Amino acid sequence: MRSTRPPQPALLRWTDGGAEVELLRPEDGVSPGQACVLYDGEDPRARVLGGGVIARRASLVAAA
């Protein structure tokens, strides 16, 4: 979620080197160095579950 954007649903996967977050809908402007914060819901009072700094961005293109 960006601080000025609504929350985005995502999947969290643990890897040997840390974790990967896959957004379920495309989001513009995701860049290395930005914070990624995970919440337990979309409510403004949702609990923070964790977070980190974005190390890299991977673009996935679905085959038609």
PDB file of N, CA and C in Angstrom:
ATOM      1  N   MET A   1       0.845  -1.174   0.000  1.00  0.00           N
ATOM      2  CA  MET A   1       0.000   0.000   0.000  1.00  0.00           C
ATOM      3  C   MET A   1       0.885   1.229   0.000  1.00  0.00           C
ATOM      4  N   ARG A   2       0.542   2.179  -0.800  1.00  0.00           N
ATOM      5  CA  ARG A   2       1.243   3.455  -0.763  1.00  0.00           C
ATOM      6  C   ARG A   2       0.501   4.348   0.212  1.00  0.00           C
ATOM      7  N   SER A   3       1.190   5.239   0.835  1.00  0.00           N
ATOM      8  CA  SER A   3       0.555   6.058   1.869  1.00  0.00           C
ATOM      9  C   SER A   3      -0.584   6.909   1.318  1.00  0.00           C
ATOM     10  N   THR A   4      -0.574   7.190   0.029  1.00  0.00           N
ATOM     11  CA  THR A   4      -1.642   7.987  -0.578  1.00  0.00           C
ATOM     12  C   THR A   4      -2.580   7.137  -1.428  1.00  0.00           C
ATOM     13  N   ARG A   5      -2.415   5.826  -1.386  1.00  0.00           N
ATOM     14  CA  ARG A   5      -3.231   4.914  -2.194  1.00  0.00           C
ATOM     15  C   ARG A   5      -3.969   3.940  -1.296  1.00  0.00           C
ATOM     16  N   PRO A   6      -5.073   3.373  -1.790  1.00  0.00           N
ATOM     17  CA  PRO A   6      -5.762   2.352  -0.979  1.00  0.00           C
ATOM     18  C   PRO A   6      -4.915   1.085  -0.879  1.00  0.00           C
ATOM     19  N   PRO A   7      -5.164   0.268   0.148  1.00  0.00           N
ATOM     20  CA  PRO A   7      -4.416  -0.988   0.304  1.00  0.00           C
ATOM     21  C   PRO A   7      -4.588  -1.895  -0.911  1.00  0.00           C
ATOM     22  N   GLN A   8      -3.567  -2.698  -1.184  1.00  0.00           N
ATOM     23  CA  GLN A   8      -3.593  -3.640  -2.296  1.00  0.00           C
ATOM     24  C   GLN A   8      -3.452  -5.064  -1.759  1.00  0.00           C
ATOM     25  N   PRO A   9      -4.289  -5.996  -2.214  1.00  0.00           N
ATOM     26  CA  PRO A   9      -4.117  -7.389  -1.784  1.00  0.00           C
ATOM     27  C   PRO A   9      -2.826  -7.967  -2.369  1.00  0.00           C
ATOM     28  N   ALA A  10      -2.176  -8.818  -1.594  1.00  0.00           N
ATOM     29  CA  ALA A  10      -0.900  -9.390  -2.028  1.00  0.00           C
ATOM     30  C   ALA A  10      -0.688 -10.752  -1.387  1.00  0.00           C
ATOM     31  N   LEU A  11       0.245 -11.489  -1.963  1.00  0.00           N
ATOM     32  CA  LEU A  11       0.678 -12.768  -1.408  1.00  0.00           C
ATOM     33  C   LEU A  11       2.084 -12.599  -0.858  1.00  0.00           C
ATOM     34  N   LEU A  12       2.348 -13.205   0.284  1.00  0.00           N
ATOM     35  CA  LEU A  12       3.675 -13.178   0.891  1.00  0.00           C
ATOM     36  C   LEU A  12       4.252 -14.580   0.834  1.00  0.00           C
ATOM     37  N   ARG A  13       5.459 -14.692   0.284  1.00  0.00           N
ATOM     38  CA  ARG A  13       6.141 -15.982   0.193  1.00  0.00           C
ATOM     39  C   ARG A  13       7.496 -15.868   0.868  1.00  0.00           C
ATOM     40  N   TRP A  14       7.786 -16.811   1.751  1.00  0.00           N
ATOM     41  CA  TRP A  14       9.107 -16.856   2.380  1.00  0.00           C
ATOM     42  C   TRP A  14      10.069 -17.579   1.451  1.00  0.00           C
ATOM     43  N   THR A  15      11.279 -17.047   1.322  1.00  0.00           N
ATOM     44  CA  THR A  15      12.320 -17.662   0.492  1.00  0.00           C
ATOM     45  C   THR A  15      13.563 -17.849   1.346  1.00  0.00           C
ATOM     46  N   ASP A  16      14.573 -18.524   0.802  1.00  0.00           N
ATOM     47  CA  ASP A  16      15.832 -18.702   1.536  1.00  0.00           C
ATOM     48  C   ASP A  16      16.499 -17.359   1.828  1.00  0.00           C
ATOM     49  N   GLY A  17      16.298 -16.383   0.950  1.00  0.00           N
ATOM     50  CA  GLY A  17      16.946 -15.087   1.116  1.00  0.00           C
ATOM     51  C   GLY A  17      16.081 -14.023   1.763  1.00  0.00           C
ATOM     52  N   GLY A  18      14.894 -14.359   2.216  1.00  0.00           N
ATOM     53  CA  GLY A  18      14.016 -13.362   2.828  1.00  0.00           C
ATOM     54  C   GLY A  18      12.571 -13.638   2.486  1.00  0.00           C
ATOM     55  N   ALA A  19      11.940 -12.693   1.841  1.00  0.00           N
ATOM     56  CA  ALA A  19      10.532 -12.840   1.486  1.00  0.00           C
ATOM     57  C   ALA A  19      10.265 -12.153   0.156  1.00  0.00           C
ATOM     58  N   GLU A  20       9.200 -12.604  -0.512  1.00  0.00           N
ATOM     59  CA  GLU A  20       8.735 -11.976  -1.747  1.00  0.00           C
ATOM     60  C   GLU A  20       7.278 -11.599  -1.554  1.00  0.00           C
ATOM     61  N   VAL A  21       6.921 -10.429  -2.036  1.00  0.00           N
ATOM     62  CA  VAL A  21       5.536  -9.964  -1.993  1.00  0.00           C
ATOM     63  C   VAL A  21       5.051  -9.864  -3.427  1.00  0.00           C
ATOM     64  N   GLU A  22       3.957 -10.536  -3.732  1.00  0.00           N
ATOM     65  CA  GLU A  22       3.361 -10.471  -5.065  1.00  0.00           C
ATOM     66  C   GLU A  22       2.035  -9.726  -4.966  1.00  0.00           C
ATOM     67  N   LEU A  23       1.959  -8.577  -5.620  1.00  0.00           N
ATOM     68  CA  LEU A  23       0.712  -7.823  -5.654  1.00  0.00           C
ATOM     69  C   LEU A  23      -0.257  -8.532  -6.585  1.00  0.00           C
ATOM     70  N   LEU A  24      -1.510  -8.633  -6.181  1.00  0.00           N
ATOM     71  CA  LEU A  24      -2.506  -9.325  -6.997  1.00  0.00           C
ATOM     72  C   LEU A  24      -3.076  -8.434  -8.094  1.00  0.00           C
ATOM     73  N   ARG A  25      -2.831  -7.129  -7.991  1.00  0.00           N
ATOM     74  CA  ARG A  25      -3.189  -6.172  -9.044  1.00  0.00           C
ATOM     75  C   ARG A  25      -1.965  -5.311  -9.318  1.00  0.00           C
ATOM     76  N   PRO A  26      -1.756  -4.901 -10.562  1.00  0.00           N
ATOM     77  CA  PRO A  26      -0.592  -4.058 -10.871  1.00  0.00           C
ATOM     78  C   PRO A  26      -0.628  -2.748 -10.082  1.00  0.00           C
ATOM     79  N   GLU A  27       0.547  -2.266  -9.718  1.00  0.00           N
ATOM     80  CA  GLU A  27       0.682  -1.012  -8.984  1.00  0.00           C
ATOM     81  C   GLU A  27       1.842  -0.234  -9.595  1.00  0.00           C
ATOM     82  N   ASP A  28       1.595   1.002  -9.998  1.00  0.00           N
ATOM     83  CA  ASP A  28       2.642   1.856 -10.571  1.00  0.00           C
ATOM     84  C   ASP A  28       3.538   2.412  -9.481  1.00  0.00           C
ATOM     85  N   GLY A  29       4.782   2.663  -9.846  1.00  0.00           N
ATOM     86  CA  GLY A  29       5.692   3.391  -8.974  1.00  0.00           C
ATOM     87  C   GLY A  29       6.392   2.587  -7.898  1.00  0.00           C
ATOM     88  N   VAL A  30       6.318   1.262  -7.942  1.00  0.00           N
ATOM     89  CA  VAL A  30       7.033   0.445  -6.958  1.00  0.00           C
ATOM     90  C   VAL A  30       8.512   0.485  -7.321  1.00  0.00           C
ATOM     91  N   SER A  31       9.363   0.888  -6.358  1.00  0.00           N
ATOM     92  CA  SER A  31      10.788   1.038  -6.647  1.00  0.00           C
ATOM     93  C   SER A  31      11.645   0.551  -5.489  1.00  0.00           C
ATOM     94  N   PRO A  32      12.841   0.039  -5.803  1.00  0.00           N
ATOM     95  CA  PRO A  32      13.771  -0.336  -4.742  1.00  0.00           C
ATOM     96  C   PRO A  32      14.040   0.858  -3.820  1.00  0.00           C
ATOM     97  N   GLY A  33      14.181   0.543  -2.534  1.00  0.00           N
ATOM     98  CA  GLY A  33      14.437   1.582  -1.539  1.00  0.00           C
ATOM     99  C   GLY A  33      13.185   2.055  -0.822  1.00  0.00           C
ATOM    100  N   GLN A  34      12.010   1.794  -1.393  1.00  0.00           N
ATOM    101  CA  GLN A  34      10.764   2.165  -0.740  1.00  0.00           C
ATOM    102  C   GLN A  34      10.421   1.149   0.344  1.00  0.00           C
ATOM    103  N   ALA A  35       9.581   1.567   1.266  1.00  0.00           N
ATOM    104  CA  ALA A  35       9.113   0.660   2.312  1.00  0.00           C
ATOM    105  C   ALA A  35       7.954  -0.178   1.799  1.00  0.00           C
ATOM    106  N   CYS A  36       7.862  -1.399   2.288  1.00  0.00           N
ATOM    107  CA  CYS A  36       6.722  -2.278   2.052  1.00  0.00           C
ATOM    108  C   CYS A  36       6.199  -2.648   3.435  1.00  0.00           C
ATOM    109  N   VAL A  37       4.944  -2.316   3.690  1.00  0.00           N
ATOM    110  CA  VAL A  37       4.352  -2.574   5.005  1.00  0.00           C
ATOM    111  C   VAL A  37       3.160  -3.502   4.821  1.00  0.00           C
ATOM    112  N   LEU A  38       3.087  -4.534   5.629  1.00  0.00           N
ATOM    113  CA  LEU A  38       2.017  -5.528   5.542  1.00  0.00           C
ATOM    114  C   LEU A  38       1.060  -5.340   6.715  1.00  0.00           C
ATOM    115  N   TYR A  39      -0.236  -5.248   6.396  1.00  0.00           N
ATOM    116  CA  TYR A  39      -1.278  -5.048   7.392  1.00  0.00           C
ATOM    117  C   TYR A  39      -2.192  -6.265   7.428  1.00  0.00           C
ATOM    118  N   ASP A  40      -2.954  -6.428   8.501  1.00  0.00           N
ATOM    119  CA  ASP A  40      -3.854  -7.575   8.613  1.00  0.00           C
ATOM    120  C   ASP A  40      -5.238  -7.299   8.038  1.00  0.00           C
ATOM    121  N   GLY A  41      -5.419  -6.230   7.319  1.00  0.00           N
ATOM    122  CA  GLY A  41      -6.698  -5.910   6.689  1.00  0.00           C
ATOM    123  C   GLY A  41      -6.668  -4.518   6.097  1.00  0.00           C
ATOM    124  N   GLU A  42      -7.814  -4.081   5.591  1.00  0.00           N
ATOM    125  CA  GLU A  42      -7.901  -2.773   4.944  1.00  0.00           C
ATOM    126  C   GLU A  42      -8.420  -1.672   5.862  1.00  0.00           C
ATOM    127  N   ASP A  43      -8.884  -2.037   7.032  1.00  0.00           N
ATOM    128  CA  ASP A  43      -9.402  -1.070   7.987  1.00  0.00           C
ATOM    129  C   ASP A  43      -8.303  -0.074   8.366  1.00  0.00           C
ATOM    130  N   PRO A  44      -8.627   1.212   8.500  1.00  0.00           N
ATOM    131  CA  PRO A  44      -7.595   2.196   8.893  1.00  0.00           C
ATOM    132  C   PRO A  44      -6.917   1.875  10.224  1.00  0.00           C
ATOM    133  N   ARG A  45      -7.567   1.054  11.060  1.00  0.00           N
ATOM    134  CA  ARG A  45      -6.973   0.674  12.350  1.00  0.00           C
ATOM    135  C   ARG A  45      -6.340  -0.711  12.293  1.00  0.00           C
ATOM    136  N   ALA A  46      -6.076  -1.228  11.103  1.00  0.00           N
ATOM    137  CA  ALA A  46      -5.500  -2.567  10.949  1.00  0.00           C
ATOM    138  C   ALA A  46      -4.123  -2.638  11.612  1.00  0.00           C
ATOM    139  N   ARG A  47      -3.806  -3.821  12.129  1.00  0.00           N
ATOM    140  CA  ARG A  47      -2.500  -4.035  12.755  1.00  0.00           C
ATOM    141  C   ARG A  47      -1.413  -4.170  11.694  1.00  0.00           C
ATOM    142  N   VAL A  48      -0.243  -3.651  12.001  1.00  0.00           N
ATOM    143  CA  VAL A  48       0.925  -3.852  11.149  1.00  0.00           C
ATOM    144  C   VAL A  48       1.491  -5.230  11.480  1.00  0.00           C
ATOM    145  N   LEU A  49       1.615  -6.067  10.454  1.00  0.00           N
ATOM    146  CA  LEU A  49       2.155  -7.413  10.633  1.00  0.00           C
ATOM    147  C   LEU A  49       3.664  -7.453  10.443  1.00  0.00           C
ATOM    148  N   GLY A  50       4.171  -6.549   9.628  1.00  0.00           N
ATOM    149  CA  GLY A  50       5.605  -6.515   9.358  1.00  0.00           C
ATOM    150  C   GLY A  50       5.887  -5.624   8.170  1.00  0.00           C
ATOM    151  N   GLY A  51       7.129  -5.571   7.792  1.00  0.00           N
ATOM    152  CA  GLY A  51       7.504  -4.749   6.651  1.00  0.00           C
ATOM    153  C   GLY A  51       8.985  -4.855   6.377  1.00  0.00           C
ATOM    154  N   GLY A  52       9.412  -4.128   5.399  1.00  0.00           N
ATOM    155  CA  GLY A  52      10.819  -4.125   5.019  1.00  0.00           C
ATOM    156  C   GLY A  52      11.051  -3.128   3.911  1.00  0.00           C
ATOM    157  N   VAL A  53      12.242  -3.141   3.387  1.00  0.00           N
ATOM    158  CA  VAL A  53      12.622  -2.250   2.294  1.00  0.00           C
ATOM    159  C   VAL A  53      12.622  -3.053   1.001  1.00  0.00           C
ATOM    160  N   ILE A  54      12.033  -2.504  -0.048  1.00  0.00           N
ATOM    161  CA  ILE A  54      11.982  -3.176  -1.345  1.00  0.00           C
ATOM    162  C   ILE A  54      13.388  -3.243  -1.921  1.00  0.00           C
ATOM    163  N   ALA A  55      13.861  -4.464  -2.200  1.00  0.00           N
ATOM    164  CA  ALA A  55      15.204  -4.672  -2.734  1.00  0.00           C
ATOM    165  C   ALA A  55      15.224  -4.625  -4.261  1.00  0.00           C
ATOM    166  N   ARG A  56      14.171  -5.158  -4.867  1.00  0.00           N
ATOM    167  CA  ARG A  56      14.107  -5.156  -6.332  1.00  0.00           C
ATOM    168  C   ARG A  56      12.664  -5.289  -6.762  1.00  0.00           C
ATOM    169  N   ARG A  57      12.409  -4.932  -7.988  1.00  0.00           N
ATOM    170  CA  ARG A  57      11.079  -5.052  -8.564  1.00  0.00           C
ATOM    171  C   ARG A  57      11.149  -6.029  -9.717  1.00  0.00           C
ATOM    172  N   ALA A  58      10.239  -6.962  -9.742  1.00  0.00           N
ATOM    173  CA  ALA A  58      10.156  -7.923 -10.841  1.00  0.00           C
ATOM    174  C   ALA A  58       8.852  -7.686 -11.575  1.00  0.00           C
ATOM    175  N   SER A  59       8.925  -7.524 -12.873  1.00  0.00           N
ATOM    176  CA  SER A  59       7.719  -7.351 -13.679  1.00  0.00           C
ATOM    177  C   SER A  59       7.358  -8.676 -14.314  1.00  0.00           C
ATOM    178  N   LEU A  60       6.133  -9.074 -14.130  1.00  0.00           N
ATOM    179  CA  LEU A  60       5.656 -10.305 -14.729  1.00  0.00           C
ATOM    180  C   LEU A  60       4.633  -9.972 -15.794  1.00  0.00           C
ATOM    181  N   VAL A  61       4.751 -10.609 -16.931  1.00  0.00           N
ATOM    182  CA  VAL A  61       3.816 -10.385 -18.029  1.00  0.00           C
ATOM    183  C   VAL A  61       3.130 -11.711 -18.328  1.00  0.00           C
ATOM    184  N   ALA A  62       1.819 -11.723 -18.251  1.00  0.00           N
ATOM    185  CA  ALA A  62       1.076 -12.950 -18.523  1.00  0.00           C
ATOM    186  C   ALA A  62       1.018 -13.197 -20.033  1.00  0.00           C
ATOM    187  N   ALA A  63       1.096 -14.441 -20.410  1.00  0.00           N
ATOM    188  CA  ALA A  63       0.972 -14.812 -21.824  1.00  0.00           C
ATOM    189  C   ALA A  63      -0.490 -14.720 -22.244  1.00  0.00           C
ATOM    190  N   ALA A  64      -0.723 -14.260 -23.465  1.00  0.00           N
ATOM    191  CA  ALA A  64      -2.098 -14.125 -23.966  1.00  0.00           C
ATOM    192  C   ALA A  64      -2.636 -15.432 -24.457  1.00  0.00           C
TER     193      ALA A  64
END
